[in-house]
Amino acid sequence: MRWMGYYPGVGTHSEAVPIQIHAGEKLSNLRLSVRRQALYTVGFHIVADGSHLPLESLAVAIDGTDRDALAYHLMQNQNHEGIFVAGYVPPGHYVVRTFILLDFKTGRVSPELSKWRMAKQEVDISSDSEIVLQLSPAAPN
């Protein structure tokens, strides 16, 4: 849980109105209210038609659909036993996607991953959960 507040006393990010406060400015009658907001742990499991994947060369990104500085964004390239874990995720609608990390030494894509199209899907998060991201075969060259 965390405490979260938006101006002018609304309960969601999408309803909030930005305010500007300048140095030396005095504000009066400004009411801010805060509410408890649940935070969740989300695990991402990447699969590809039963094939073994070099998970050390993959990463997962989770992005809030609001496109501003307050929108949630996290990239996770560490996995634990095949699960990429994102913590402290507020409830909401997100776009999650997989992407390939280039080999540090060669600057190239792992040959095992070049045959897969990365996953992208929209999800609603309202509890601790695990999301399966399914890679699909890449189009033939």
C-alpha atoms as a PDB file:
ATOM      1  CA  MET A   1       0.000   0.000   0.000  1.00  0.00           C
ATOM      2  CA  ARG A   2       0.983   3.589  -0.533  1.00  0.00           C
ATOM      3  CA  TRP A   3      -0.668   6.947  -0.051  1.00  0.00           C
ATOM      4  CA  MET A   4      -1.530   8.716  -3.294  1.00  0.00           C
ATOM      5  CA  GLY A   5      -3.119  12.101  -3.873  1.00  0.00           C
ATOM      6  CA  TYR A   6      -4.216  14.001  -6.945  1.00  0.00           C
ATOM      7  CA  TYR A   7      -5.368  17.577  -7.363  1.00  0.00           C
ATOM      8  CA  PRO A   8      -8.184  18.698  -7.016  1.00  0.00           C
ATOM      9  CA  GLY A   9      -9.041  15.927  -4.564  1.00  0.00           C
ATOM     10  CA  VAL A  10      -9.858  13.322  -7.224  1.00  0.00           C
ATOM     11  CA  GLY A  11      -9.114   9.623  -6.902  1.00  0.00           C
ATOM     12  CA  THR A  12      -7.388   8.735 -10.161  1.00  0.00           C
ATOM     13  CA  HIS A  13      -4.503   9.918 -12.279  1.00  0.00           C
ATOM     14  CA  SER A  14      -6.756  10.397 -15.319  1.00  0.00           C
ATOM     15  CA  GLU A  15      -8.976  12.862 -13.392  1.00  0.00           C
ATOM     16  CA  ALA A  16      -6.069  14.922 -12.030  1.00  0.00           C
ATOM     17  CA  VAL A  17      -5.408  18.512 -13.040  1.00  0.00           C
ATOM     18  CA  PRO A  18      -1.810  19.802 -13.109  1.00  0.00           C
ATOM     19  CA  ILE A  19      -0.962  22.835 -11.007  1.00  0.00           C
ATOM     20  CA  GLN A  20       2.111  25.030 -11.210  1.00  0.00           C
ATOM     21  CA  ILE A  21       3.751  26.374  -8.094  1.00  0.00           C
ATOM     22  CA  HIS A  22       6.505  28.939  -8.406  1.00  0.00           C
ATOM     23  CA  ALA A  23       9.169  29.900  -5.859  1.00  0.00           C
ATOM     24  CA  GLY A  24       7.902  32.366  -3.281  1.00  0.00           C
ATOM     25  CA  GLU A  25       4.273  31.838  -4.240  1.00  0.00           C
ATOM     26  CA  LYS A  26       1.757  31.404  -1.428  1.00  0.00           C
ATOM     27  CA  LEU A  27      -1.150  29.070  -1.981  1.00  0.00           C
ATOM     28  CA  SER A  28      -4.380  29.377  -0.095  1.00  0.00           C
ATOM     29  CA  ASN A  29      -7.478  27.227  -0.182  1.00  0.00           C
ATOM     30  CA  LEU A  30      -5.578  24.418  -1.842  1.00  0.00           C
ATOM     31  CA  ARG A  31      -7.060  21.131  -0.675  1.00  0.00           C
ATOM     32  CA  LEU A  32      -5.189  17.936  -1.269  1.00  0.00           C
ATOM     33  CA  SER A  33      -6.613  14.649  -0.144  1.00  0.00           C
ATOM     34  CA  VAL A  34      -4.797  11.349  -0.178  1.00  0.00           C
ATOM     35  CA  ARG A  35      -6.041   7.796  -0.399  1.00  0.00           C
ATOM     36  CA  ARG A  36      -4.500   4.416   0.209  1.00  0.00           C
ATOM     37  CA  GLN A  37      -3.592   2.703  -3.032  1.00  0.00           C
ATOM     38  CA  ALA A  38      -2.855  -0.993  -3.312  1.00  0.00           C
ATOM     39  CA  LEU A  39       0.373  -2.062  -5.014  1.00  0.00           C
ATOM     40  CA  TYR A  40       0.887  -5.464  -6.579  1.00  0.00           C
ATOM     41  CA  THR A  41       3.622  -7.873  -7.587  1.00  0.00           C
ATOM     42  CA  VAL A  42       3.348  -9.130 -11.140  1.00  0.00           C
ATOM     43  CA  GLY A  43       5.357 -11.983 -12.626  1.00  0.00           C
ATOM     44  CA  PHE A  44       5.859 -12.355 -16.368  1.00  0.00           C
ATOM     45  CA  HIS A  45       6.474 -15.805 -17.818  1.00  0.00           C
ATOM     46  CA  ILE A  46       7.760 -15.841 -21.416  1.00  0.00           C
ATOM     47  CA  VAL A  47       6.943 -18.891 -23.526  1.00  0.00           C
ATOM     48  CA  ALA A  48       7.490 -19.848 -27.160  1.00  0.00           C
ATOM     49  CA  ASP A  49       5.677 -22.963 -28.352  1.00  0.00           C
ATOM     50  CA  GLY A  50       7.548 -25.262 -25.957  1.00  0.00           C
ATOM     51  CA  SER A  51      10.958 -24.110 -27.218  1.00  0.00           C
ATOM     52  CA  HIS A  52      13.839 -23.344 -24.886  1.00  0.00           C
ATOM     53  CA  LEU A  53      14.528 -19.603 -24.780  1.00  0.00           C
ATOM     54  CA  PRO A  54      17.763 -17.886 -23.701  1.00  0.00           C
ATOM     55  CA  LEU A  55      16.027 -15.827 -21.006  1.00  0.00           C
ATOM     56  CA  GLU A  56      19.206 -13.930 -20.185  1.00  0.00           C
ATOM     57  CA  SER A  57      18.802 -12.251 -23.609  1.00  0.00           C
ATOM     58  CA  LEU A  58      15.181 -11.208 -23.017  1.00  0.00           C
ATOM     59  CA  ALA A  59      13.548  -8.412 -21.038  1.00  0.00           C
ATOM     60  CA  VAL A  60      10.024  -7.286 -20.222  1.00  0.00           C
ATOM     61  CA  ALA A  61       8.610  -3.751 -20.146  1.00  0.00           C
ATOM     62  CA  ILE A  62       5.382  -2.681 -18.479  1.00  0.00           C
ATOM     63  CA  ASP A  63       3.988   0.746 -19.352  1.00  0.00           C
ATOM     64  CA  GLY A  64       0.964   2.627 -18.078  1.00  0.00           C
ATOM     65  CA  THR A  65      -1.289   3.802 -20.883  1.00  0.00           C
ATOM     66  CA  ASP A  66      -1.283   7.404 -19.621  1.00  0.00           C
ATOM     67  CA  ARG A  67       1.424   9.188 -21.580  1.00  0.00           C
ATOM     68  CA  ASP A  68       2.897  11.624 -19.081  1.00  0.00           C
ATOM     69  CA  ALA A  69       5.586  11.843 -16.411  1.00  0.00           C
ATOM     70  CA  LEU A  70       3.377  10.185 -13.777  1.00  0.00           C
ATOM     71  CA  ALA A  71       2.628   7.088 -15.856  1.00  0.00           C
ATOM     72  CA  TYR A  72       4.058   3.830 -14.522  1.00  0.00           C
ATOM     73  CA  HIS A  73       6.997   2.392 -16.478  1.00  0.00           C
ATOM     74  CA  LEU A  74       9.353  -0.443 -15.633  1.00  0.00           C
ATOM     75  CA  MET A  75      11.828  -2.503 -17.638  1.00  0.00           C
ATOM     76  CA  GLN A  76      12.872  -5.795 -16.090  1.00  0.00           C
ATOM     77  CA  ASN A  77      15.783  -7.768 -17.511  1.00  0.00           C
ATOM     78  CA  GLN A  78      16.462  -9.941 -14.459  1.00  0.00           C
ATOM     79  CA  ASN A  79      14.602 -13.202 -14.198  1.00  0.00           C
ATOM     80  CA  HIS A  80      14.284 -15.626 -11.346  1.00  0.00           C
ATOM     81  CA  GLU A  81      13.731 -19.208 -12.475  1.00  0.00           C
ATOM     82  CA  GLY A  82      12.186 -18.011 -15.734  1.00  0.00           C
ATOM     83  CA  ILE A  83       9.894 -15.375 -14.214  1.00  0.00           C
ATOM     84  CA  PHE A  84      10.475 -11.634 -14.647  1.00  0.00           C
ATOM     85  CA  VAL A  85       9.051  -9.893 -11.570  1.00  0.00           C
ATOM     86  CA  ALA A  86       7.764  -6.316 -11.312  1.00  0.00           C
ATOM     87  CA  GLY A  87       6.931  -5.053  -7.845  1.00  0.00           C
ATOM     88  CA  TYR A  88       4.970  -2.085  -6.530  1.00  0.00           C
ATOM     89  CA  VAL A  89       2.675  -1.968  -9.563  1.00  0.00           C
ATOM     90  CA  PRO A  90      -0.409   0.208  -8.975  1.00  0.00           C
ATOM     91  CA  PRO A  91      -3.743  -1.047 -10.290  1.00  0.00           C
ATOM     92  CA  GLY A  92      -4.504  -0.021 -13.849  1.00  0.00           C
ATOM     93  CA  HIS A  93      -4.416  -0.726 -17.552  1.00  0.00           C
ATOM     94  CA  TYR A  94      -0.975  -1.481 -19.016  1.00  0.00           C
ATOM     95  CA  VAL A  95       0.820  -2.499 -22.173  1.00  0.00           C
ATOM     96  CA  VAL A  96       3.419  -5.203 -21.568  1.00  0.00           C
ATOM     97  CA  ARG A  97       5.957  -6.354 -24.118  1.00  0.00           C
ATOM     98  CA  THR A  98       9.021  -8.495 -24.442  1.00  0.00           C
ATOM     99  CA  PHE A  99      12.157  -7.371 -26.174  1.00  0.00           C
ATOM    100  CA  ILE A 100      15.581  -8.728 -26.998  1.00  0.00           C
ATOM    101  CA  LEU A 101      18.771  -7.564 -25.358  1.00  0.00           C
ATOM    102  CA  LEU A 102      21.681  -7.532 -27.783  1.00  0.00           C
ATOM    103  CA  ASP A 103      24.669  -9.675 -26.943  1.00  0.00           C
ATOM    104  CA  PHE A 104      27.043  -7.305 -25.139  1.00  0.00           C
ATOM    105  CA  LYS A 105      30.210  -8.578 -26.848  1.00  0.00           C
ATOM    106  CA  THR A 106      28.981  -8.977 -30.423  1.00  0.00           C
ATOM    107  CA  GLY A 107      26.139  -6.432 -30.548  1.00  0.00           C
ATOM    108  CA  ARG A 108      23.967  -9.065 -32.241  1.00  0.00           C
ATOM    109  CA  VAL A 109      20.728 -10.861 -31.547  1.00  0.00           C
ATOM    110  CA  SER A 110      20.971 -14.381 -30.211  1.00  0.00           C
ATOM    111  CA  PRO A 111      20.336 -16.812 -33.125  1.00  0.00           C
ATOM    112  CA  GLU A 112      17.776 -18.688 -30.997  1.00  0.00           C
ATOM    113  CA  LEU A 113      15.740 -15.501 -30.592  1.00  0.00           C
ATOM    114  CA  SER A 114      15.928 -14.282 -34.192  1.00  0.00           C
ATOM    115  CA  LYS A 115      13.223 -16.760 -35.174  1.00  0.00           C
ATOM    116  CA  TRP A 116      10.671 -15.287 -32.714  1.00  0.00           C
ATOM    117  CA  ARG A 117       8.402 -12.253 -32.879  1.00  0.00           C
ATOM    118  CA  MET A 118       8.251 -10.488 -29.527  1.00  0.00           C
ATOM    119  CA  ALA A 119       5.016 -10.447 -27.512  1.00  0.00           C
ATOM    120  CA  LYS A 120       2.889  -7.376 -26.838  1.00  0.00           C
ATOM    121  CA  GLN A 121      -0.420  -7.336 -25.002  1.00  0.00           C
ATOM    122  CA  GLU A 122      -2.687  -5.103 -22.975  1.00  0.00           C
ATOM    123  CA  VAL A 123      -3.510  -6.170 -19.431  1.00  0.00           C
ATOM    124  CA  ASP A 124      -5.527  -4.917 -16.498  1.00  0.00           C
ATOM    125  CA  ILE A 125      -3.806  -5.354 -13.159  1.00  0.00           C
ATOM    126  CA  SER A 126      -5.934  -5.437 -10.027  1.00  0.00           C
ATOM    127  CA  SER A 127      -4.158  -8.046  -7.888  1.00  0.00           C
ATOM    128  CA  ASP A 128      -0.890  -9.942  -7.525  1.00  0.00           C
ATOM    129  CA  SER A 129      -0.702 -12.003 -10.695  1.00  0.00           C
ATOM    130  CA  GLU A 130       1.344 -13.850 -13.272  1.00  0.00           C
ATOM    131  CA  ILE A 131       1.052 -12.968 -16.939  1.00  0.00           C
ATOM    132  CA  VAL A 132       2.100 -15.344 -19.716  1.00  0.00           C
ATOM    133  CA  LEU A 133       3.711 -13.633 -22.718  1.00  0.00           C
ATOM    134  CA  GLN A 134       3.597 -15.857 -25.786  1.00  0.00           C
ATOM    135  CA  LEU A 135       6.227 -15.305 -28.474  1.00  0.00           C
ATOM    136  CA  SER A 136       5.136 -16.190 -32.005  1.00  0.00           C
ATOM    137  CA  PRO A 137       7.237 -17.389 -34.941  1.00  0.00           C
ATOM    138  CA  ALA A 138       8.826 -14.594 -36.941  1.00  0.00           C
ATOM    139  CA  ALA A 139       7.884 -14.185 -40.581  1.00  0.00           C
ATOM    140  CA  PRO A 140      10.277 -16.039 -42.924  1.00  0.00           C
ATOM    141  CA  ASN A 141      12.885 -13.870 -44.651  1.00  0.00           C
END
